[in-house]
C-alpha atoms as a PDB file:
ATOM      1  CA  MET A   1       0.021  -0.011   0.011  1.00  0.00           C
ATOM      2  CA  ARG A   2       1.297   3.394  -0.931  1.00  0.00           C
ATOM      3  CA  GLN A   3       1.538   6.093   1.717  1.00  0.00           C
ATOM      4  CA  PRO A   4       1.128   9.713   0.973  1.00  0.00           C
ATOM      5  CA  LYS A   5       4.186  11.838   0.273  1.00  0.00           C
ATOM      6  CA  GLY A   6       5.873  13.167   3.317  1.00  0.00           C
ATOM      7  CA  SER A   7       4.843  10.381   5.725  1.00  0.00           C
ATOM      8  CA  SER A   8       6.883   7.499   6.888  1.00  0.00           C
ATOM      9  CA  GLU A   9       6.145   4.085   8.138  1.00  0.00           C
ATOM     10  CA  ASN A  10       7.734   4.419  11.527  1.00  0.00           C
ATOM     11  CA  GLY A  11       7.151   8.081  12.263  1.00  0.00           C
ATOM     12  CA  TYR A  12      10.895   8.968  12.328  1.00  0.00           C
ATOM     13  CA  ASP A  13      10.235  12.174  10.376  1.00  0.00           C
ATOM     14  CA  ILE A  14       8.070  13.502  13.172  1.00  0.00           C
ATOM     15  CA  LEU A  15      10.755  12.645  15.777  1.00  0.00           C
ATOM     16  CA  LEU A  16      13.305  14.477  13.566  1.00  0.00           C
ATOM     17  CA  ALA A  17      11.027  17.535  13.531  1.00  0.00           C
ATOM     18  CA  ILE A  18      10.699  17.838  17.324  1.00  0.00           C
ATOM     19  CA  PRO A  19      14.113  19.169  18.325  1.00  0.00           C
ATOM     20  CA  PRO A  20      13.912  22.206  15.924  1.00  0.00           C
ATOM     21  CA  ALA A  21      10.407  22.943  17.272  1.00  0.00           C
ATOM     22  CA  ASN A  22      11.679  22.582  20.797  1.00  0.00           C
ATOM     23  CA  ALA A  23      14.527  24.926  20.129  1.00  0.00           C
ATOM     24  CA  TRP A  24      12.128  27.480  18.581  1.00  0.00           C
ATOM     25  CA  PHE A  25       9.949  27.260  21.629  1.00  0.00           C
ATOM     26  CA  ASP A  26      12.905  27.752  23.987  1.00  0.00           C
ATOM     27  CA  LYS A  27      14.042  30.846  22.045  1.00  0.00           C
ATOM     28  CA  ALA A  28      10.517  32.305  22.098  1.00  0.00           C
ATOM     29  CA  LEU A  29      10.320  31.699  25.903  1.00  0.00           C
ATOM     30  CA  ASN A  30      13.675  33.369  26.506  1.00  0.00           C
ATOM     31  CA  ARG A  31      12.574  36.355  24.351  1.00  0.00           C
ATOM     32  CA  LYS A  32       9.327  36.694  26.397  1.00  0.00           C
ATOM     33  CA  SER A  33      11.215  36.339  29.613  1.00  0.00           C
ATOM     34  CA  LYS A  34      13.579  39.201  28.558  1.00  0.00           C
ATOM     35  CA  GLN A  35      10.639  41.359  27.587  1.00  0.00           C
ATOM     36  CA  LEU A  36       8.965  40.770  30.939  1.00  0.00           C
ATOM     37  CA  ARG A  37      12.278  41.611  32.716  1.00  0.00           C
ATOM     38  CA  VAL A  38      12.390  44.923  30.880  1.00  0.00           C
ATOM     39  CA  GLN A  39       8.756  45.654  31.665  1.00  0.00           C
ATOM     40  CA  LEU A  40       9.379  44.971  35.343  1.00  0.00           C
ATOM     41  CA  GLY A  41      12.324  47.364  35.449  1.00  0.00           C
ATOM     42  CA  GLY A  42      15.076  44.796  35.613  1.00  0.00           C
ATOM     43  CA  PHE A  43      13.854  42.835  38.612  1.00  0.00           C
ATOM     44  CA  PRO A  44      14.542  39.145  38.458  1.00  0.00           C
ATOM     45  CA  LEU A  45      11.646  36.847  37.713  1.00  0.00           C
ATOM     46  CA  PHE A  46      10.285  34.239  40.084  1.00  0.00           C
ATOM     47  CA  VAL A  47      12.299  35.323  43.108  1.00  0.00           C
ATOM     48  CA  GLN A  48      10.638  35.532  46.522  1.00  0.00           C
ATOM     49  CA  GLN A  49      10.817  39.040  47.922  1.00  0.00           C
ATOM     50  CA  TYR A  50      10.605  39.652  51.665  1.00  0.00           C
ATOM     51  CA  PRO A  51       8.813  42.659  53.150  1.00  0.00           C
ATOM     52  CA  MET A  52      10.968  45.707  53.687  1.00  0.00           C
ATOM     53  CA  TYR A  53       9.806  46.004  57.257  1.00  0.00           C
ATOM     54  CA  ASP A  54      11.175  42.605  58.331  1.00  0.00           C
ATOM     55  CA  ALA A  55      14.602  44.136  59.183  1.00  0.00           C
ATOM     56  CA  GLY A  56      13.057  46.410  61.934  1.00  0.00           C
ATOM     57  CA  ARG A  57      10.165  44.085  62.869  1.00  0.00           C
ATOM     58  CA  GLU A  58      10.842  43.924  66.612  1.00  0.00           C
ATOM     59  CA  ARG A  59      11.242  47.655  66.798  1.00  0.00           C
ATOM     60  CA  ILE A  60       8.072  48.358  64.850  1.00  0.00           C
ATOM     61  CA  LEU A  61       6.003  45.987  66.974  1.00  0.00           C
ATOM     62  CA  HIS A  62       7.435  47.518  70.137  1.00  0.00           C
ATOM     63  CA  LEU A  63       6.596  51.119  69.063  1.00  0.00           C
ATOM     64  CA  HIS A  64       3.163  50.069  67.839  1.00  0.00           C
ATOM     65  CA  ALA A  65       2.446  48.403  71.163  1.00  0.00           C
ATOM     66  CA  LEU A  66       3.352  51.605  72.956  1.00  0.00           C
ATOM     67  CA  GLY A  67       0.769  53.439  70.853  1.00  0.00           C
ATOM     68  CA  VAL A  68       3.151  55.501  68.686  1.00  0.00           C
ATOM     69  CA  PRO A  69       1.185  56.490  65.561  1.00  0.00           C
ATOM     70  CA  LEU A  70       2.158  54.729  62.325  1.00  0.00           C
ATOM     71  CA  ALA A  71       3.046  57.989  60.549  1.00  0.00           C
ATOM     72  CA  THR A  72       5.548  58.789  63.302  1.00  0.00           C
ATOM     73  CA  ILE A  73       7.002  55.320  63.099  1.00  0.00           C
ATOM     74  CA  VAL A  74       7.459  55.655  59.337  1.00  0.00           C
ATOM     75  CA  ASP A  75       8.713  59.300  59.257  1.00  0.00           C
ATOM     76  CA  VAL A  76      10.798  59.569  62.429  1.00  0.00           C
ATOM     77  CA  ARG A  77      12.002  56.116  63.345  1.00  0.00           C
ATOM     78  CA  LEU A  78      12.286  54.116  60.100  1.00  0.00           C
ATOM     79  CA  LYS A  79      12.764  56.888  57.487  1.00  0.00           C
ATOM     80  CA  TYR A  80      11.588  54.541  54.760  1.00  0.00           C
ATOM     81  CA  GLY A  81       8.190  53.170  53.504  1.00  0.00           C
ATOM     82  CA  LYS A  82       4.774  54.528  53.639  1.00  0.00           C
ATOM     83  CA  CYS A  83       2.169  54.639  56.407  1.00  0.00           C
ATOM     84  CA  LEU A  84      -0.354  52.543  54.432  1.00  0.00           C
ATOM     85  CA  SER A  85       2.080  49.839  53.599  1.00  0.00           C
ATOM     86  CA  LEU A  86       3.166  49.662  57.260  1.00  0.00           C
ATOM     87  CA  LYS A  87      -0.473  49.332  58.271  1.00  0.00           C
ATOM     88  CA  ASN A  88      -0.949  46.484  55.778  1.00  0.00           C
ATOM     89  CA  TYR A  89       2.185  44.821  57.095  1.00  0.00           C
ATOM     90  CA  LEU A  90       0.957  45.004  60.698  1.00  0.00           C
ATOM     91  CA  THR A  91      -2.483  43.575  59.772  1.00  0.00           C
ATOM     92  CA  LYS A  92      -0.815  40.666  57.964  1.00  0.00           C
ATOM     93  CA  LEU A  93       1.401  40.027  60.983  1.00  0.00           C
ATOM     94  CA  GLN A  94      -1.687  39.973  63.218  1.00  0.00           C
ATOM     95  CA  ARG A  95      -3.451  37.546  60.941  1.00  0.00           C
ATOM     96  CA  GLN A  96      -0.536  35.046  60.858  1.00  0.00           C
ATOM     97  CA  PRO A  97      -0.338  32.453  63.694  1.00  0.00           C
ATOM     98  CA  SER A  98       2.447  33.029  66.113  1.00  0.00           C
ATOM     99  CA  ARG A  99       5.721  31.440  65.082  1.00  0.00           C
ATOM    100  CA  ASN A 100       6.826  30.890  68.682  1.00  0.00           C
ATOM    101  CA  ALA A 101       3.591  29.178  69.795  1.00  0.00           C
ATOM    102  CA  SER A 102       4.232  25.631  70.873  1.00  0.00           C
ATOM    103  CA  ALA A 103       2.258  22.849  69.192  1.00  0.00           C
END
């Protein structure tokens, strides 16, 4: 029985066509990754970023417990960040279960 032109009995021609298609897909993925990196301002992709307030966490919690206003903590004590982002950070900390709690 005759097979149509361009087909093979074992399918080897399909297997030979996969590596170039894979290379094309890899190049396209790298291009898209570079475009995303440019759009994000040079930040690395898929890297976990930690909150900027983690460095002064104990100090922030201590001042907040004393009743110091968040605007004062941001402007006078920390000298970085915004009042709203500090408020969001504190609400997230309060929602998380305590790390030091014994099981």
